[in-house]
């Protein structure tokens, strides 16, 4: 027997059966958490937002259209929750993350430190971008969403998404280089 699709589960939720919401949560909470984590830069806030987002799914289940795809609809909920968070004044700085685990070709301590500084600088640069530019980069580069999905989520054309991603990458590079020059001795 095939597992029901996300859309089938959401249509059951829309019709009043809230049990399938647990399955949708299990399928998607990890991705939604990572999206929020990249948007806010804060682990605890992201965990809270995931809970809020799935409460919104339940609250606004009547707005889900049977001809819609579930994932873009869910990401729209996540996007709106992040925007609401920032409107309420949530301006946390990103928490410092641990260095990545060394591979079998273990780098030297100096190389690990340099990589860690690059990652920290990249995260800081990402957090300095305007929310709309940060969002398209997170969706396209961290969440690996297709441009067509991002276009549906943002309500624009695929071409517009490509332009937004290009401009966001260009600004991210400029901010990163500025931070790197500030850190240079």
C-alpha atoms as a PDB file:
ATOM      1  CA  UNK A   1       0.000   0.000   0.000  1.00  0.00           C
ATOM      2  CA  UNK A   2       1.317   3.422  -0.925  1.00  0.00           C
ATOM      3  CA  UNK A   3       1.679   6.114   1.692  1.00  0.00           C
ATOM      4  CA  UNK A   4      -0.697   9.009   1.188  1.00  0.00           C
ATOM      5  CA  UNK A   5       0.778  12.135  -0.360  1.00  0.00           C
ATOM      6  CA  UNK A   6       1.207  15.347   1.596  1.00  0.00           C
ATOM      7  CA  UNK A   7      -1.682  16.833  -0.339  1.00  0.00           C
ATOM      8  CA  UNK A   8      -3.966  13.896   0.507  1.00  0.00           C
ATOM      9  CA  UNK A   9      -3.056  14.169   4.186  1.00  0.00           C
ATOM     10  CA  UNK A  10      -3.641  17.918   4.201  1.00  0.00           C
ATOM     11  CA  UNK A  11      -7.021  17.503   2.539  1.00  0.00           C
ATOM     12  CA  UNK A  12      -7.982  15.112   5.361  1.00  0.00           C
ATOM     13  CA  UNK A  13      -6.858  17.744   7.894  1.00  0.00           C
ATOM     14  CA  UNK A  14      -8.839  20.376   6.015  1.00  0.00           C
ATOM     15  CA  UNK A  15     -11.912  18.146   6.204  1.00  0.00           C
ATOM     16  CA  UNK A  16     -11.628  17.994  10.009  1.00  0.00           C
ATOM     17  CA  UNK A  17      -9.506  14.893  10.662  1.00  0.00           C
ATOM     18  CA  UNK A  18      -6.494  16.331  12.528  1.00  0.00           C
ATOM     19  CA  UNK A  19      -4.697  12.982  12.965  1.00  0.00           C
ATOM     20  CA  UNK A  20      -2.811  13.249   9.639  1.00  0.00           C
ATOM     21  CA  UNK A  21      -1.241  16.485  10.891  1.00  0.00           C
ATOM     22  CA  UNK A  22       1.132  14.323  12.973  1.00  0.00           C
ATOM     23  CA  UNK A  23       2.373  12.589   9.833  1.00  0.00           C
ATOM     24  CA  UNK A  24       2.833  15.933   8.071  1.00  0.00           C
ATOM     25  CA  UNK A  25       4.759  17.195  11.086  1.00  0.00           C
ATOM     26  CA  UNK A  26       7.036  14.136  11.040  1.00  0.00           C
ATOM     27  CA  UNK A  27       7.688  14.545   7.323  1.00  0.00           C
ATOM     28  CA  UNK A  28       8.415  18.270   7.358  1.00  0.00           C
ATOM     29  CA  UNK A  29       9.398  19.613  10.779  1.00  0.00           C
ATOM     30  CA  UNK A  30      13.132  19.111  10.138  1.00  0.00           C
ATOM     31  CA  UNK A  31      13.146  21.104   6.912  1.00  0.00           C
ATOM     32  CA  UNK A  32      10.965  23.824   8.406  1.00  0.00           C
ATOM     33  CA  UNK A  33      13.261  24.030  11.439  1.00  0.00           C
ATOM     34  CA  UNK A  34      16.314  24.479   9.195  1.00  0.00           C
ATOM     35  CA  UNK A  35      14.526  27.140   7.164  1.00  0.00           C
ATOM     36  CA  UNK A  36      13.646  29.056  10.346  1.00  0.00           C
ATOM     37  CA  UNK A  37      17.142  28.514  11.758  1.00  0.00           C
ATOM     38  CA  UNK A  38      18.704  30.072   8.692  1.00  0.00           C
ATOM     39  CA  UNK A  39      16.176  32.911   8.685  1.00  0.00           C
ATOM     40  CA  UNK A  40      16.456  33.827  12.368  1.00  0.00           C
ATOM     41  CA  UNK A  41      19.927  32.603  13.245  1.00  0.00           C
ATOM     42  CA  UNK A  42      18.615  31.333  16.568  1.00  0.00           C
ATOM     43  CA  UNK A  43      18.020  27.713  17.568  1.00  0.00           C
ATOM     44  CA  UNK A  44      15.466  28.264  20.335  1.00  0.00           C
ATOM     45  CA  UNK A  45      13.463  30.751  18.299  1.00  0.00           C
ATOM     46  CA  UNK A  46      13.436  28.331  15.381  1.00  0.00           C
ATOM     47  CA  UNK A  47      12.101  25.517  17.552  1.00  0.00           C
ATOM     48  CA  UNK A  48       9.339  27.811  18.793  1.00  0.00           C
ATOM     49  CA  UNK A  49       8.539  28.918  15.258  1.00  0.00           C
ATOM     50  CA  UNK A  50       8.181  25.317  14.060  1.00  0.00           C
ATOM     51  CA  UNK A  51       5.534  24.731  16.718  1.00  0.00           C
ATOM     52  CA  UNK A  52       3.809  27.981  15.774  1.00  0.00           C
ATOM     53  CA  UNK A  53       3.884  27.096  12.075  1.00  0.00           C
ATOM     54  CA  UNK A  54       2.183  23.751  12.582  1.00  0.00           C
ATOM     55  CA  UNK A  55      -0.397  25.422  14.818  1.00  0.00           C
ATOM     56  CA  UNK A  56      -1.025  27.817  11.919  1.00  0.00           C
ATOM     57  CA  UNK A  57      -1.400  24.852   9.575  1.00  0.00           C
ATOM     58  CA  UNK A  58      -4.167  23.609  11.830  1.00  0.00           C
ATOM     59  CA  UNK A  59      -5.713  27.057  12.331  1.00  0.00           C
ATOM     60  CA  UNK A  60      -5.643  27.987   8.632  1.00  0.00           C
ATOM     61  CA  UNK A  61      -6.337  24.527   7.212  1.00  0.00           C
ATOM     62  CA  UNK A  62      -9.443  25.910   5.526  1.00  0.00           C
ATOM     63  CA  UNK A  63      -7.276  28.065   3.258  1.00  0.00           C
ATOM     64  CA  UNK A  64      -5.543  25.053   1.717  1.00  0.00           C
ATOM     65  CA  UNK A  65      -6.839  24.586  -1.800  1.00  0.00           C
ATOM     66  CA  UNK A  66      -7.202  21.112  -3.263  1.00  0.00           C
ATOM     67  CA  UNK A  67      -5.433  22.245  -6.445  1.00  0.00           C
ATOM     68  CA  UNK A  68      -2.421  23.533  -4.452  1.00  0.00           C
ATOM     69  CA  UNK A  69       0.810  21.778  -3.613  1.00  0.00           C
ATOM     70  CA  UNK A  70       1.338  21.253   0.099  1.00  0.00           C
ATOM     71  CA  UNK A  71       5.033  22.113   0.375  1.00  0.00           C
ATOM     72  CA  UNK A  72       4.838  25.667  -1.047  1.00  0.00           C
ATOM     73  CA  UNK A  73       1.751  26.295   1.108  1.00  0.00           C
ATOM     74  CA  UNK A  74       3.655  25.099   4.193  1.00  0.00           C
ATOM     75  CA  UNK A  75       6.697  27.224   3.350  1.00  0.00           C
ATOM     76  CA  UNK A  76       4.388  30.210   2.930  1.00  0.00           C
ATOM     77  CA  UNK A  77       3.215  29.572   6.509  1.00  0.00           C
ATOM     78  CA  UNK A  78       6.845  29.351   7.637  1.00  0.00           C
ATOM     79  CA  UNK A  79       7.775  32.494   5.754  1.00  0.00           C
ATOM     80  CA  UNK A  80       4.895  34.424   7.291  1.00  0.00           C
ATOM     81  CA  UNK A  81       5.770  33.190  10.782  1.00  0.00           C
ATOM     82  CA  UNK A  82       9.371  34.367  10.344  1.00  0.00           C
ATOM     83  CA  UNK A  83       8.223  37.740   9.049  1.00  0.00           C
ATOM     84  CA  UNK A  84       5.839  38.083  12.007  1.00  0.00           C
ATOM     85  CA  UNK A  85       8.696  37.197  14.342  1.00  0.00           C
ATOM     86  CA  UNK A  86      10.837  39.995  12.913  1.00  0.00           C
ATOM     87  CA  UNK A  87       7.932  42.446  13.032  1.00  0.00           C
ATOM     88  CA  UNK A  88       7.532  41.687  16.740  1.00  0.00           C
ATOM     89  CA  UNK A  89      11.119  42.809  17.193  1.00  0.00           C
ATOM     90  CA  UNK A  90      12.945  39.470  17.141  1.00  0.00           C
ATOM     91  CA  UNK A  91      16.455  40.491  16.182  1.00  0.00           C
ATOM     92  CA  UNK A  92      18.594  37.759  17.699  1.00  0.00           C
ATOM     93  CA  UNK A  93      22.134  37.367  16.535  1.00  0.00           C
ATOM     94  CA  UNK A  94      23.021  33.953  15.198  1.00  0.00           C
ATOM     95  CA  UNK A  95      24.267  31.551  17.802  1.00  0.00           C
ATOM     96  CA  UNK A  96      27.795  30.353  17.245  1.00  0.00           C
ATOM     97  CA  UNK A  97      27.825  26.828  15.910  1.00  0.00           C
ATOM     98  CA  UNK A  98      30.448  24.215  16.465  1.00  0.00           C
ATOM     99  CA  UNK A  99      33.040  23.512  13.820  1.00  0.00           C
ATOM    100  CA  UNK A 100      32.117  20.745  11.427  1.00  0.00           C
ATOM    101  CA  UNK A 101      33.308  17.272  12.332  1.00  0.00           C
ATOM    102  CA  UNK A 102      36.707  16.520  10.798  1.00  0.00           C
ATOM    103  CA  UNK A 103      36.803  14.061   7.922  1.00  0.00           C
ATOM    104  CA  UNK A 104      39.185  11.151   7.650  1.00  0.00           C
ATOM    105  CA  UNK A 105      41.787  13.513   6.126  1.00  0.00           C
ATOM    106  CA  UNK A 106      41.876  15.383   9.392  1.00  0.00           C
ATOM    107  CA  UNK A 107      42.782  19.051   8.836  1.00  0.00           C
ATOM    108  CA  UNK A 108      45.181  20.821  11.089  1.00  0.00           C
ATOM    109  CA  UNK A 109      43.949  22.932  13.995  1.00  0.00           C
ATOM    110  CA  UNK A 110      44.793  26.088  12.030  1.00  0.00           C
ATOM    111  CA  UNK A 111      42.771  24.874   9.033  1.00  0.00           C
ATOM    112  CA  UNK A 112      39.825  24.031  11.279  1.00  0.00           C
ATOM    113  CA  UNK A 113      40.023  27.466  12.856  1.00  0.00           C
ATOM    114  CA  UNK A 114      40.125  29.150   9.440  1.00  0.00           C
ATOM    115  CA  UNK A 115      37.149  27.122   8.196  1.00  0.00           C
ATOM    116  CA  UNK A 116      35.271  27.934  11.390  1.00  0.00           C
ATOM    117  CA  UNK A 117      35.985  31.633  10.938  1.00  0.00           C
ATOM    118  CA  UNK A 118      34.814  31.456   7.307  1.00  0.00           C
ATOM    119  CA  UNK A 119      31.581  29.743   8.332  1.00  0.00           C
ATOM    120  CA  UNK A 120      30.993  32.271  11.104  1.00  0.00           C
ATOM    121  CA  UNK A 121      31.701  35.148   8.706  1.00  0.00           C
ATOM    122  CA  UNK A 122      29.361  33.657   6.087  1.00  0.00           C
ATOM    123  CA  UNK A 123      26.574  33.282   8.650  1.00  0.00           C
ATOM    124  CA  UNK A 124      27.124  36.854   9.836  1.00  0.00           C
ATOM    125  CA  UNK A 125      27.008  38.088   6.229  1.00  0.00           C
ATOM    126  CA  UNK A 126      23.799  36.144   5.597  1.00  0.00           C
ATOM    127  CA  UNK A 127      22.186  37.653   8.700  1.00  0.00           C
ATOM    128  CA  UNK A 128      23.102  41.167   7.483  1.00  0.00           C
ATOM    129  CA  UNK A 129      21.192  40.725   4.241  1.00  0.00           C
ATOM    130  CA  UNK A 130      17.684  42.138   3.985  1.00  0.00           C
ATOM    131  CA  UNK A 131      15.086  39.509   4.843  1.00  0.00           C
ATOM    132  CA  UNK A 132      13.878  39.077   1.251  1.00  0.00           C
ATOM    133  CA  UNK A 133      17.390  38.392  -0.055  1.00  0.00           C
ATOM    134  CA  UNK A 134      18.227  36.079   2.845  1.00  0.00           C
ATOM    135  CA  UNK A 135      15.018  34.179   2.178  1.00  0.00           C
ATOM    136  CA  UNK A 136      15.702  33.421  -1.502  1.00  0.00           C
ATOM    137  CA  UNK A 137      19.237  32.271  -0.676  1.00  0.00           C
ATOM    138  CA  UNK A 138      18.035  30.011   2.108  1.00  0.00           C
ATOM    139  CA  UNK A 139      15.346  28.482  -0.070  1.00  0.00           C
ATOM    140  CA  UNK A 140      17.580  27.987  -3.096  1.00  0.00           C
ATOM    141  CA  UNK A 141      20.941  27.177  -1.514  1.00  0.00           C
ATOM    142  CA  UNK A 142      20.162  25.653   1.891  1.00  0.00           C
ATOM    143  CA  UNK A 143      16.724  24.145   1.356  1.00  0.00           C
ATOM    144  CA  UNK A 144      17.505  23.180  -2.256  1.00  0.00           C
ATOM    145  CA  UNK A 145      14.054  24.222  -3.436  1.00  0.00           C
ATOM    146  CA  UNK A 146      13.454  24.403  -7.164  1.00  0.00           C
ATOM    147  CA  UNK A 147      13.084  27.873  -8.622  1.00  0.00           C
ATOM    148  CA  UNK A 148       9.538  26.958  -9.684  1.00  0.00           C
ATOM    149  CA  UNK A 149       8.629  26.160  -6.052  1.00  0.00           C
ATOM    150  CA  UNK A 150      10.188  29.412  -4.845  1.00  0.00           C
ATOM    151  CA  UNK A 151       8.301  31.320  -7.556  1.00  0.00           C
ATOM    152  CA  UNK A 152       5.013  29.767  -6.407  1.00  0.00           C
ATOM    153  CA  UNK A 153       5.813  30.605  -2.786  1.00  0.00           C
ATOM    154  CA  UNK A 154       6.753  34.218  -3.542  1.00  0.00           C
ATOM    155  CA  UNK A 155       4.053  34.749  -6.148  1.00  0.00           C
ATOM    156  CA  UNK A 156       6.408  35.710  -8.970  1.00  0.00           C
ATOM    157  CA  UNK A 157       7.923  34.217 -12.112  1.00  0.00           C
ATOM    158  CA  UNK A 158      10.838  31.780 -12.242  1.00  0.00           C
ATOM    159  CA  UNK A 159      12.835  34.440 -14.058  1.00  0.00           C
ATOM    160  CA  UNK A 160      12.232  36.883 -11.201  1.00  0.00           C
ATOM    161  CA  UNK A 161      13.454  34.263  -8.718  1.00  0.00           C
ATOM    162  CA  UNK A 162      16.644  33.776 -10.735  1.00  0.00           C
ATOM    163  CA  UNK A 163      17.269  37.524 -10.726  1.00  0.00           C
ATOM    164  CA  UNK A 164      16.590  37.747  -6.974  1.00  0.00           C
ATOM    165  CA  UNK A 165      18.975  34.872  -6.233  1.00  0.00           C
ATOM    166  CA  UNK A 166      21.673  36.413  -8.418  1.00  0.00           C
ATOM    167  CA  UNK A 167      21.328  39.803  -6.712  1.00  0.00           C
ATOM    168  CA  UNK A 168      21.239  38.221  -3.258  1.00  0.00           C
ATOM    169  CA  UNK A 169      24.417  36.234  -3.976  1.00  0.00           C
ATOM    170  CA  UNK A 170      26.109  39.374  -5.232  1.00  0.00           C
ATOM    171  CA  UNK A 171      25.168  41.276  -2.063  1.00  0.00           C
ATOM    172  CA  UNK A 172      26.160  38.326   0.152  1.00  0.00           C
ATOM    173  CA  UNK A 173      29.579  38.267  -1.489  1.00  0.00           C
ATOM    174  CA  UNK A 174      30.024  42.005  -0.929  1.00  0.00           C
ATOM    175  CA  UNK A 175      29.040  41.764   2.744  1.00  0.00           C
ATOM    176  CA  UNK A 176      31.254  38.711   3.244  1.00  0.00           C
ATOM    177  CA  UNK A 177      34.260  40.474   1.697  1.00  0.00           C
ATOM    178  CA  UNK A 178      33.593  43.545   3.835  1.00  0.00           C
ATOM    179  CA  UNK A 179      33.551  41.405   6.973  1.00  0.00           C
ATOM    180  CA  UNK A 180      36.715  39.625   5.851  1.00  0.00           C
ATOM    181  CA  UNK A 181      38.535  42.923   5.289  1.00  0.00           C
ATOM    182  CA  UNK A 182      37.454  44.143   8.730  1.00  0.00           C
ATOM    183  CA  UNK A 183      38.896  40.979  10.281  1.00  0.00           C
ATOM    184  CA  UNK A 184      42.191  41.172   8.361  1.00  0.00           C
ATOM    185  CA  UNK A 185      45.214  42.280  10.430  1.00  0.00           C
END
